[in-house]
Amino acid sequence: MEEIETRLARRLSQLRTERGWSLDELAKRSGVSRASLSRIENGDVSPTASVLSKLCVAFGVTLSRLMQMVEDDFTPLVRRQDQEIWTDPETGYRRRLVSPTSRNLAGEVLEVEIDPYTRIEYGGSPRDGLEHHLVMLDGMLSLTVDGKRHELGAGDCLRYQLRGGNVFETPSTSGARYHLFIVE
């Protein structure tokens, strides 16, 4: 786990440097404090899903594409034991990269687990119209997209194009586990 966090810190620093941005400039563009950005780039702290979302919007890349930038090269077969898992230190949200992005493929698949009574809010989309297909495997989830709330249970599929922020919420009685198919 530490290895991916180190690579993520290094890649975030590279993205900022490639754009010629100072920490202050990235702070303005992302809404993340300069101090937090410095601690993240130095590997002192692991960024939360919310912070990564803000940084992805600022850089104009999806979270999955960012993670692909720090993960190993493309392989056709991805065994479960080899799939990268990232856990949000703030909410406990767990993200398994089932089918990583690649320069040769247009989509990816994530398996996400959210504990009961959890709320995760993303303020924006890294790219307007990003196509998502969310397939519920277990549990219950309320997902608000474009101001419309959707109640999902096991077996349900919500298809949408991401144009702005969204909110994921689980009830106190149930967490959620789902696959998210993202088409770039």
N, C-alpha and C. Protein backbone atom coordinates (compact mmCIF):
# COMPACT_ATOMS: atom_id res chain seq x y z
N MET A 1 0.83 -1.20 0.00
CA MET A 1 0.00 0.00 0.00
C MET A 1 0.87 1.25 0.00
N GLU A 2 1.94 1.26 0.77
CA GLU A 2 2.79 2.45 0.85
C GLU A 2 3.42 2.78 -0.50
N GLU A 3 3.73 1.75 -1.28
CA GLU A 3 4.36 1.97 -2.58
C GLU A 3 3.44 2.79 -3.50
N ILE A 4 2.16 2.44 -3.56
CA ILE A 4 1.23 3.17 -4.43
C ILE A 4 1.06 4.60 -3.93
N GLU A 5 1.04 4.81 -2.61
CA GLU A 5 0.90 6.15 -2.06
C GLU A 5 2.12 7.01 -2.38
N THR A 6 3.30 6.40 -2.37
CA THR A 6 4.53 7.12 -2.73
C THR A 6 4.50 7.50 -4.20
N ARG A 7 4.09 6.57 -5.06
CA ARG A 7 4.00 6.85 -6.50
C ARG A 7 2.94 7.92 -6.78
N LEU A 8 1.82 7.88 -6.03
CA LEU A 8 0.77 8.88 -6.19
C LEU A 8 1.28 10.26 -5.81
N ALA A 9 1.97 10.37 -4.70
CA ALA A 9 2.53 11.66 -4.27
C ALA A 9 3.48 12.20 -5.34
N ARG A 10 4.34 11.34 -5.85
CA ARG A 10 5.30 11.75 -6.88
C ARG A 10 4.58 12.20 -8.15
N ARG A 11 3.53 11.47 -8.56
CA ARG A 11 2.81 11.81 -9.79
C ARG A 11 2.06 13.13 -9.64
N LEU A 12 1.47 13.38 -8.49
CA LEU A 12 0.76 14.65 -8.26
C LEU A 12 1.74 15.81 -8.37
N SER A 13 2.91 15.65 -7.80
CA SER A 13 3.94 16.69 -7.90
C SER A 13 4.36 16.91 -9.35
N GLN A 14 4.51 15.80 -10.10
CA GLN A 14 4.89 15.91 -11.52
C GLN A 14 3.82 16.63 -12.33
N LEU A 15 2.55 16.31 -12.09
CA LEU A 15 1.47 16.97 -12.83
C LEU A 15 1.49 18.48 -12.60
N ARG A 16 1.71 18.86 -11.36
CA ARG A 16 1.77 20.29 -11.04
C ARG A 16 2.96 20.94 -11.73
N THR A 17 4.12 20.29 -11.66
CA THR A 17 5.34 20.83 -12.26
C THR A 17 5.22 20.91 -13.78
N GLU A 18 4.64 19.87 -14.40
CA GLU A 18 4.46 19.87 -15.86
C GLU A 18 3.63 21.06 -16.33
N ARG A 19 2.72 21.51 -15.50
CA ARG A 19 1.86 22.64 -15.87
C ARG A 19 2.50 23.99 -15.50
N GLY A 20 3.63 23.92 -14.82
CA GLY A 20 4.31 25.14 -14.41
C GLY A 20 3.61 25.86 -13.28
N TRP A 21 2.83 25.12 -12.48
CA TRP A 21 2.07 25.71 -11.39
C TRP A 21 2.87 25.65 -10.09
N SER A 22 2.77 26.68 -9.31
CA SER A 22 3.29 26.67 -7.95
C SER A 22 2.26 25.96 -7.06
N LEU A 23 2.65 25.68 -5.83
CA LEU A 23 1.67 25.13 -4.89
C LEU A 23 0.52 26.10 -4.67
N ASP A 24 0.83 27.41 -4.65
CA ASP A 24 -0.22 28.41 -4.48
C ASP A 24 -1.21 28.39 -5.64
N GLU A 25 -0.70 28.23 -6.86
CA GLU A 25 -1.57 28.18 -8.04
C GLU A 25 -2.47 26.95 -7.99
N LEU A 26 -1.91 25.80 -7.65
CA LEU A 26 -2.72 24.58 -7.56
C LEU A 26 -3.75 24.72 -6.44
N ALA A 27 -3.36 25.35 -5.35
CA ALA A 27 -4.30 25.57 -4.24
C ALA A 27 -5.50 26.39 -4.71
N LYS A 28 -5.23 27.45 -5.51
CA LYS A 28 -6.32 28.28 -6.04
C LYS A 28 -7.22 27.49 -6.97
N ARG A 29 -6.61 26.70 -7.84
CA ARG A 29 -7.37 25.95 -8.84
C ARG A 29 -8.17 24.79 -8.25
N SER A 30 -7.66 24.22 -7.16
CA SER A 30 -8.29 23.02 -6.60
C SER A 30 -9.14 23.27 -5.36
N GLY A 31 -8.85 24.35 -4.65
CA GLY A 31 -9.55 24.57 -3.38
C GLY A 31 -8.96 23.77 -2.24
N VAL A 32 -7.77 23.20 -2.45
CA VAL A 32 -7.06 22.46 -1.40
C VAL A 32 -5.96 23.37 -0.88
N SER A 33 -5.80 23.44 0.42
CA SER A 33 -4.83 24.37 0.99
C SER A 33 -3.41 24.05 0.53
N ARG A 34 -2.59 25.08 0.47
CA ARG A 34 -1.19 24.93 0.08
C ARG A 34 -0.47 23.98 1.02
N ALA A 35 -0.75 24.10 2.32
CA ALA A 35 -0.10 23.24 3.32
C ALA A 35 -0.46 21.78 3.09
N SER A 36 -1.73 21.51 2.81
CA SER A 36 -2.16 20.13 2.54
C SER A 36 -1.50 19.59 1.29
N LEU A 37 -1.43 20.43 0.24
CA LEU A 37 -0.79 20.00 -1.00
C LEU A 37 0.68 19.63 -0.77
N SER A 38 1.36 20.44 0.01
CA SER A 38 2.77 20.18 0.31
C SER A 38 2.93 18.87 1.06
N ARG A 39 2.08 18.63 2.05
CA ARG A 39 2.16 17.40 2.83
C ARG A 39 1.84 16.18 1.97
N ILE A 40 0.90 16.33 1.03
CA ILE A 40 0.56 15.23 0.12
C ILE A 40 1.73 14.93 -0.80
N GLU A 41 2.28 15.97 -1.44
CA GLU A 41 3.39 15.78 -2.37
C GLU A 41 4.64 15.23 -1.69
N ASN A 42 4.84 15.56 -0.43
CA ASN A 42 5.98 15.04 0.33
C ASN A 42 5.73 13.64 0.87
N GLY A 43 4.52 13.13 0.69
CA GLY A 43 4.18 11.80 1.17
C GLY A 43 3.95 11.73 2.66
N ASP A 44 3.73 12.89 3.30
CA ASP A 44 3.49 12.92 4.74
C ASP A 44 2.09 12.43 5.10
N VAL A 45 1.13 12.66 4.19
CA VAL A 45 -0.26 12.23 4.39
C VAL A 45 -0.78 11.63 3.10
N SER A 46 -1.76 10.77 3.24
CA SER A 46 -2.44 10.19 2.07
C SER A 46 -3.67 11.04 1.77
N PRO A 47 -3.86 11.46 0.52
CA PRO A 47 -5.02 12.29 0.21
C PRO A 47 -6.32 11.50 0.32
N THR A 48 -7.38 12.18 0.73
CA THR A 48 -8.71 11.56 0.80
C THR A 48 -9.31 11.53 -0.59
N ALA A 49 -10.40 10.79 -0.75
CA ALA A 49 -11.11 10.74 -2.04
C ALA A 49 -11.59 12.13 -2.43
N SER A 50 -12.05 12.90 -1.46
CA SER A 50 -12.53 14.25 -1.73
C SER A 50 -11.40 15.14 -2.26
N VAL A 51 -10.24 15.08 -1.63
CA VAL A 51 -9.10 15.88 -2.07
C VAL A 51 -8.63 15.43 -3.45
N LEU A 52 -8.54 14.12 -3.67
CA LEU A 52 -8.14 13.62 -4.98
C LEU A 52 -9.11 14.08 -6.06
N SER A 53 -10.40 14.09 -5.73
CA SER A 53 -11.40 14.56 -6.70
C SER A 53 -11.15 16.01 -7.07
N LYS A 54 -10.86 16.85 -6.10
CA LYS A 54 -10.58 18.27 -6.36
C LYS A 54 -9.33 18.43 -7.21
N LEU A 55 -8.31 17.63 -6.92
CA LEU A 55 -7.07 17.71 -7.70
C LEU A 55 -7.29 17.23 -9.13
N CYS A 56 -8.07 16.18 -9.29
CA CYS A 56 -8.36 15.67 -10.63
C CYS A 56 -9.11 16.71 -11.46
N VAL A 57 -10.06 17.39 -10.84
CA VAL A 57 -10.78 18.45 -11.55
C VAL A 57 -9.79 19.55 -11.98
N ALA A 58 -8.91 19.94 -11.08
CA ALA A 58 -7.92 20.98 -11.40
C ALA A 58 -7.01 20.55 -12.54
N PHE A 59 -6.58 19.29 -12.52
CA PHE A 59 -5.67 18.79 -13.56
C PHE A 59 -6.40 18.35 -14.83
N GLY A 60 -7.74 18.19 -14.76
CA GLY A 60 -8.50 17.76 -15.93
C GLY A 60 -8.33 16.29 -16.27
N VAL A 61 -8.13 15.46 -15.24
CA VAL A 61 -8.02 14.01 -15.44
C VAL A 61 -8.97 13.29 -14.49
N THR A 62 -9.42 12.12 -14.89
CA THR A 62 -10.27 11.34 -14.00
C THR A 62 -9.41 10.72 -12.91
N LEU A 63 -10.05 10.35 -11.80
CA LEU A 63 -9.33 9.68 -10.72
C LEU A 63 -8.73 8.38 -11.24
N SER A 64 -9.47 7.69 -12.06
CA SER A 64 -8.97 6.43 -12.60
C SER A 64 -7.76 6.64 -13.49
N ARG A 65 -7.79 7.69 -14.29
CA ARG A 65 -6.65 7.97 -15.17
C ARG A 65 -5.44 8.36 -14.31
N LEU A 66 -5.67 9.13 -13.26
CA LEU A 66 -4.59 9.47 -12.35
C LEU A 66 -3.99 8.21 -11.74
N MET A 67 -4.86 7.30 -11.28
CA MET A 67 -4.37 6.06 -10.69
C MET A 67 -3.63 5.22 -11.72
N GLN A 68 -4.09 5.24 -12.97
CA GLN A 68 -3.41 4.50 -14.03
C GLN A 68 -2.01 5.05 -14.25
N MET A 69 -1.85 6.35 -14.06
CA MET A 69 -0.54 6.98 -14.23
C MET A 69 0.46 6.49 -13.18
N VAL A 70 -0.02 6.00 -12.05
CA VAL A 70 0.89 5.56 -10.99
C VAL A 70 0.96 4.04 -10.88
N GLU A 71 0.14 3.35 -11.66
CA GLU A 71 0.13 1.90 -11.59
C GLU A 71 1.00 1.30 -12.68
N ASP A 72 1.18 0.01 -12.60
CA ASP A 72 2.03 -0.69 -13.54
C ASP A 72 1.45 -0.70 -14.95
N ASP A 73 2.25 -1.16 -15.91
CA ASP A 73 1.85 -1.20 -17.31
C ASP A 73 0.68 -2.16 -17.54
N PHE A 74 0.10 -2.03 -18.73
CA PHE A 74 -1.04 -2.82 -19.16
C PHE A 74 -0.71 -4.31 -19.25
N THR A 75 -1.58 -5.13 -18.66
CA THR A 75 -1.52 -6.58 -18.84
C THR A 75 -2.94 -7.05 -19.12
N PRO A 76 -3.13 -8.01 -20.04
CA PRO A 76 -4.48 -8.44 -20.41
C PRO A 76 -5.24 -9.11 -19.25
N LEU A 77 -4.55 -9.94 -18.47
CA LEU A 77 -5.20 -10.65 -17.38
C LEU A 77 -4.81 -10.01 -16.05
N VAL A 78 -5.83 -9.58 -15.31
CA VAL A 78 -5.57 -8.95 -14.02
C VAL A 78 -6.19 -9.85 -12.94
N ARG A 79 -5.36 -10.59 -12.28
CA ARG A 79 -5.84 -11.50 -11.23
C ARG A 79 -6.26 -10.70 -10.00
N ARG A 80 -7.28 -11.19 -9.31
CA ARG A 80 -7.83 -10.47 -8.16
C ARG A 80 -6.74 -10.10 -7.15
N GLN A 81 -5.84 -11.02 -6.87
CA GLN A 81 -4.80 -10.74 -5.87
C GLN A 81 -3.83 -9.66 -6.33
N ASP A 82 -3.81 -9.35 -7.64
CA ASP A 82 -2.92 -8.33 -8.18
C ASP A 82 -3.60 -6.98 -8.38
N GLN A 83 -4.90 -6.91 -8.11
CA GLN A 83 -5.64 -5.67 -8.32
C GLN A 83 -5.34 -4.69 -7.19
N GLU A 84 -4.96 -3.49 -7.58
CA GLU A 84 -4.62 -2.44 -6.60
C GLU A 84 -5.86 -2.05 -5.80
N ILE A 85 -5.68 -1.86 -4.51
CA ILE A 85 -6.76 -1.39 -3.63
C ILE A 85 -6.29 -0.10 -2.98
N TRP A 86 -7.17 0.89 -3.01
CA TRP A 86 -6.89 2.16 -2.35
C TRP A 86 -8.02 2.41 -1.36
N THR A 87 -7.66 2.82 -0.16
CA THR A 87 -8.64 3.11 0.88
C THR A 87 -8.55 4.58 1.26
N ASP A 88 -9.70 5.26 1.23
CA ASP A 88 -9.76 6.66 1.64
C ASP A 88 -9.56 6.73 3.15
N PRO A 89 -8.51 7.42 3.61
CA PRO A 89 -8.25 7.46 5.05
C PRO A 89 -9.32 8.19 5.85
N GLU A 90 -10.12 9.02 5.19
CA GLU A 90 -11.15 9.78 5.89
C GLU A 90 -12.45 9.01 6.06
N THR A 91 -12.92 8.36 4.98
CA THR A 91 -14.24 7.70 5.01
C THR A 91 -14.18 6.18 5.06
N GLY A 92 -13.02 5.60 4.76
CA GLY A 92 -12.91 4.15 4.71
C GLY A 92 -13.35 3.57 3.37
N TYR A 93 -13.78 4.43 2.45
CA TYR A 93 -14.16 4.02 1.10
C TYR A 93 -13.03 3.19 0.51
N ARG A 94 -13.37 2.01 -0.05
CA ARG A 94 -12.35 1.13 -0.63
C ARG A 94 -12.59 1.00 -2.14
N ARG A 95 -11.53 1.16 -2.90
CA ARG A 95 -11.60 1.16 -4.36
C ARG A 95 -10.64 0.12 -4.89
N ARG A 96 -11.18 -0.93 -5.50
CA ARG A 96 -10.35 -1.97 -6.12
C ARG A 96 -10.36 -1.73 -7.62
N LEU A 97 -9.19 -1.63 -8.20
CA LEU A 97 -9.07 -1.41 -9.64
C LEU A 97 -9.11 -2.77 -10.33
N VAL A 98 -10.33 -3.20 -10.70
CA VAL A 98 -10.56 -4.52 -11.29
C VAL A 98 -9.95 -4.59 -12.69
N SER A 99 -10.28 -3.60 -13.52
CA SER A 99 -9.76 -3.54 -14.89
C SER A 99 -9.20 -2.14 -15.10
N PRO A 100 -7.88 -1.97 -14.96
CA PRO A 100 -7.29 -0.64 -15.05
C PRO A 100 -7.38 -0.03 -16.44
N THR A 101 -7.29 1.28 -16.49
CA THR A 101 -7.25 1.98 -17.76
C THR A 101 -5.93 1.66 -18.45
N SER A 102 -5.92 1.93 -19.72
CA SER A 102 -4.73 1.68 -20.53
C SER A 102 -4.79 2.62 -21.72
N ARG A 103 -3.65 2.88 -22.31
CA ARG A 103 -3.64 3.69 -23.52
C ARG A 103 -4.40 3.00 -24.64
N ASN A 104 -4.53 1.66 -24.56
CA ASN A 104 -5.15 0.88 -25.62
C ASN A 104 -6.64 0.60 -25.40
N LEU A 105 -7.17 0.92 -24.22
CA LEU A 105 -8.56 0.62 -23.91
C LEU A 105 -9.30 1.89 -23.51
N ALA A 106 -10.59 1.94 -23.83
CA ALA A 106 -11.38 3.15 -23.57
C ALA A 106 -12.06 3.13 -22.21
N GLY A 107 -12.10 1.99 -21.54
CA GLY A 107 -12.84 1.93 -20.28
C GLY A 107 -12.06 1.27 -19.18
N GLU A 108 -12.70 1.23 -18.03
CA GLU A 108 -12.13 0.58 -16.86
C GLU A 108 -13.26 0.14 -15.95
N VAL A 109 -12.93 -0.74 -15.01
CA VAL A 109 -13.91 -1.23 -14.05
C VAL A 109 -13.32 -1.11 -12.65
N LEU A 110 -14.11 -0.55 -11.76
CA LEU A 110 -13.75 -0.43 -10.35
C LEU A 110 -14.74 -1.25 -9.53
N GLU A 111 -14.27 -1.81 -8.42
CA GLU A 111 -15.17 -2.37 -7.43
C GLU A 111 -15.03 -1.48 -6.21
N VAL A 112 -16.15 -0.97 -5.74
CA VAL A 112 -16.13 -0.02 -4.64
C VAL A 112 -16.93 -0.57 -3.47
N GLU A 113 -16.41 -0.36 -2.28
CA GLU A 113 -17.12 -0.72 -1.05
C GLU A 113 -17.20 0.52 -0.17
N ILE A 114 -18.42 0.80 0.30
CA ILE A 114 -18.65 1.93 1.19
C ILE A 114 -19.35 1.39 2.43
N ASP A 115 -18.85 1.75 3.60
CA ASP A 115 -19.42 1.29 4.86
C ASP A 115 -20.79 1.91 5.10
N PRO A 116 -21.58 1.30 6.03
CA PRO A 116 -22.87 1.90 6.39
C PRO A 116 -22.68 3.32 6.93
N TYR A 117 -23.70 4.12 6.73
CA TYR A 117 -23.79 5.49 7.24
C TYR A 117 -22.58 6.33 6.84
N THR A 118 -22.31 6.33 5.53
CA THR A 118 -21.19 7.09 4.98
C THR A 118 -21.72 8.01 3.89
N ARG A 119 -21.17 9.21 3.85
CA ARG A 119 -21.52 10.19 2.82
C ARG A 119 -20.23 10.67 2.18
N ILE A 120 -20.17 10.57 0.84
CA ILE A 120 -19.00 11.01 0.08
C ILE A 120 -19.50 11.96 -0.99
N GLU A 121 -18.95 13.17 -0.98
CA GLU A 121 -19.39 14.19 -1.94
C GLU A 121 -18.21 14.59 -2.82
N TYR A 122 -18.48 14.59 -4.13
CA TYR A 122 -17.50 15.04 -5.10
C TYR A 122 -18.01 16.33 -5.71
N GLY A 123 -17.16 17.36 -5.74
CA GLY A 123 -17.58 18.68 -6.16
C GLY A 123 -17.67 18.91 -7.65
N GLY A 124 -17.05 18.07 -8.45
CA GLY A 124 -17.07 18.31 -9.89
C GLY A 124 -16.61 17.11 -10.66
N SER A 125 -16.71 17.22 -11.97
CA SER A 125 -16.27 16.15 -12.86
C SER A 125 -14.98 16.57 -13.54
N PRO A 126 -14.02 15.66 -13.65
CA PRO A 126 -12.77 16.02 -14.33
C PRO A 126 -12.97 16.27 -15.81
N ARG A 127 -14.03 15.67 -16.37
CA ARG A 127 -14.34 15.88 -17.77
C ARG A 127 -15.85 15.86 -17.95
N ASP A 128 -16.40 16.88 -18.56
CA ASP A 128 -17.84 16.98 -18.75
C ASP A 128 -18.35 15.83 -19.62
N GLY A 129 -19.38 15.14 -19.12
CA GLY A 129 -20.01 14.08 -19.89
C GLY A 129 -19.37 12.71 -19.74
N LEU A 130 -18.49 12.54 -18.76
CA LEU A 130 -17.83 11.26 -18.55
C LEU A 130 -18.88 10.18 -18.29
N GLU A 131 -18.81 9.09 -19.06
CA GLU A 131 -19.83 8.04 -19.00
C GLU A 131 -19.56 7.06 -17.87
N HIS A 132 -20.58 6.83 -17.04
CA HIS A 132 -20.50 5.89 -15.91
C HIS A 132 -21.65 4.89 -16.01
N HIS A 133 -21.37 3.66 -15.62
CA HIS A 133 -22.38 2.61 -15.47
C HIS A 133 -22.12 1.99 -14.10
N LEU A 134 -23.01 2.23 -13.14
CA LEU A 134 -22.85 1.73 -11.78
C LEU A 134 -23.77 0.54 -11.59
N VAL A 135 -23.20 -0.62 -11.28
CA VAL A 135 -23.97 -1.84 -11.07
C VAL A 135 -23.84 -2.26 -9.61
N MET A 136 -24.95 -2.22 -8.90
CA MET A 136 -24.96 -2.59 -7.49
C MET A 136 -24.82 -4.10 -7.32
N LEU A 137 -23.89 -4.51 -6.49
CA LEU A 137 -23.69 -5.93 -6.19
C LEU A 137 -24.37 -6.31 -4.89
N ASP A 138 -24.17 -5.48 -3.86
CA ASP A 138 -24.75 -5.74 -2.53
C ASP A 138 -25.07 -4.41 -1.86
N GLY A 139 -26.04 -4.46 -0.94
CA GLY A 139 -26.32 -3.31 -0.09
C GLY A 139 -27.26 -2.31 -0.72
N MET A 140 -27.19 -1.09 -0.18
CA MET A 140 -28.05 0.00 -0.63
C MET A 140 -27.21 1.27 -0.77
N LEU A 141 -27.60 2.08 -1.75
CA LEU A 141 -26.86 3.31 -2.03
C LEU A 141 -27.81 4.36 -2.57
N SER A 142 -27.67 5.58 -2.05
CA SER A 142 -28.34 6.74 -2.64
C SER A 142 -27.27 7.51 -3.39
N LEU A 143 -27.52 7.77 -4.65
CA LEU A 143 -26.57 8.50 -5.47
C LEU A 143 -27.27 9.69 -6.09
N THR A 144 -26.75 10.87 -5.82
CA THR A 144 -27.30 12.09 -6.39
C THR A 144 -26.38 12.54 -7.51
N VAL A 145 -26.95 12.61 -8.72
CA VAL A 145 -26.23 13.02 -9.92
C VAL A 145 -27.05 14.12 -10.60
N ASP A 146 -26.41 15.22 -10.93
CA ASP A 146 -27.09 16.35 -11.57
C ASP A 146 -28.34 16.77 -10.80
N GLY A 147 -28.25 16.73 -9.46
CA GLY A 147 -29.35 17.17 -8.62
C GLY A 147 -30.48 16.17 -8.46
N LYS A 148 -30.39 15.01 -9.11
CA LYS A 148 -31.44 13.99 -9.00
C LYS A 148 -30.94 12.83 -8.16
N ARG A 149 -31.74 12.47 -7.17
CA ARG A 149 -31.38 11.38 -6.24
C ARG A 149 -31.91 10.05 -6.76
N HIS A 150 -31.05 9.03 -6.72
CA HIS A 150 -31.41 7.68 -7.16
C HIS A 150 -31.16 6.72 -6.00
N GLU A 151 -32.16 5.89 -5.69
CA GLU A 151 -32.04 4.88 -4.64
C GLU A 151 -31.74 3.55 -5.31
N LEU A 152 -30.59 2.94 -4.96
CA LEU A 152 -30.16 1.72 -5.63
C LEU A 152 -30.05 0.57 -4.65
N GLY A 153 -30.44 -0.62 -5.11
CA GLY A 153 -30.28 -1.85 -4.36
C GLY A 153 -29.58 -2.88 -5.21
N ALA A 154 -29.31 -4.04 -4.63
CA ALA A 154 -28.58 -5.10 -5.32
C ALA A 154 -29.22 -5.41 -6.67
N GLY A 155 -28.39 -5.48 -7.70
CA GLY A 155 -28.84 -5.79 -9.05
C GLY A 155 -29.21 -4.58 -9.89
N ASP A 156 -29.39 -3.42 -9.27
CA ASP A 156 -29.76 -2.21 -10.03
C ASP A 156 -28.55 -1.67 -10.79
N CYS A 157 -28.84 -1.00 -11.90
CA CYS A 157 -27.80 -0.35 -12.70
C CYS A 157 -28.21 1.09 -12.97
N LEU A 158 -27.34 2.01 -12.65
CA LEU A 158 -27.57 3.42 -12.95
C LEU A 158 -26.54 3.85 -13.99
N ARG A 159 -27.03 4.34 -15.13
CA ARG A 159 -26.16 4.81 -16.21
C ARG A 159 -26.30 6.32 -16.29
N TYR A 160 -25.16 7.00 -16.36
CA TYR A 160 -25.23 8.46 -16.39
C TYR A 160 -23.97 9.04 -16.98
N GLN A 161 -24.10 10.30 -17.39
CA GLN A 161 -22.94 11.07 -17.83
C GLN A 161 -22.68 12.10 -16.74
N LEU A 162 -21.46 12.10 -16.26
CA LEU A 162 -21.10 12.97 -15.16
C LEU A 162 -20.82 14.38 -15.69
N ARG A 163 -21.58 15.34 -15.19
CA ARG A 163 -21.44 16.72 -15.66
C ARG A 163 -21.09 17.68 -14.53
N GLY A 164 -21.16 17.23 -13.32
CA GLY A 164 -20.86 18.09 -12.18
C GLY A 164 -20.59 17.23 -10.97
N GLY A 165 -20.91 17.76 -9.81
CA GLY A 165 -20.69 17.02 -8.59
C GLY A 165 -21.69 15.90 -8.41
N ASN A 166 -21.38 15.02 -7.48
CA ASN A 166 -22.31 13.95 -7.13
C ASN A 166 -22.09 13.57 -5.67
N VAL A 167 -23.10 12.88 -5.11
CA VAL A 167 -23.05 12.51 -3.70
C VAL A 167 -23.44 11.03 -3.57
N PHE A 168 -22.60 10.26 -2.87
CA PHE A 168 -22.85 8.86 -2.57
C PHE A 168 -23.19 8.77 -1.08
N GLU A 169 -24.31 8.12 -0.74
CA GLU A 169 -24.70 7.97 0.66
C GLU A 169 -25.21 6.56 0.91
N THR A 170 -24.79 5.99 2.03
CA THR A 170 -25.31 4.70 2.45
C THR A 170 -26.12 4.89 3.72
N PRO A 171 -27.15 4.08 3.91
CA PRO A 171 -27.95 4.20 5.14
C PRO A 171 -27.20 3.60 6.33
N SER A 172 -27.71 3.84 7.53
CA SER A 172 -27.06 3.32 8.73
C SER A 172 -27.16 1.80 8.83
N THR A 173 -28.11 1.23 8.10
CA THR A 173 -28.35 -0.21 8.18
C THR A 173 -27.58 -1.03 7.15
N SER A 174 -26.96 -0.36 6.17
CA SER A 174 -26.32 -1.12 5.10
C SER A 174 -25.22 -0.32 4.43
N GLY A 175 -24.16 -1.00 4.09
CA GLY A 175 -23.14 -0.41 3.24
C GLY A 175 -23.50 -0.68 1.79
N ALA A 176 -22.53 -0.48 0.91
CA ALA A 176 -22.77 -0.72 -0.51
C ALA A 176 -21.52 -1.31 -1.14
N ARG A 177 -21.73 -2.21 -2.08
CA ARG A 177 -20.63 -2.74 -2.90
C ARG A 177 -21.13 -2.73 -4.33
N TYR A 178 -20.35 -2.13 -5.21
CA TYR A 178 -20.78 -2.01 -6.60
C TYR A 178 -19.59 -2.02 -7.55
N HIS A 179 -19.90 -2.29 -8.80
CA HIS A 179 -18.92 -2.14 -9.87
C HIS A 179 -19.25 -0.85 -10.60
N LEU A 180 -18.23 -0.10 -10.89
CA LEU A 180 -18.38 1.14 -11.66
C LEU A 180 -17.58 0.98 -12.94
N PHE A 181 -18.29 1.04 -14.06
CA PHE A 181 -17.68 0.98 -15.38
C PHE A 181 -17.57 2.42 -15.88
N ILE A 182 -16.35 2.86 -16.19
CA ILE A 182 -16.13 4.21 -16.66
C ILE A 182 -15.60 4.13 -18.09
N VAL A 183 -16.28 4.84 -18.99
CA VAL A 183 -15.87 4.86 -20.40
C VAL A 183 -15.32 6.24 -20.71
N GLU A 184 -14.07 6.28 -21.10
CA GLU A 184 -13.40 7.57 -21.40
C GLU A 184 -13.70 8.02 -22.80
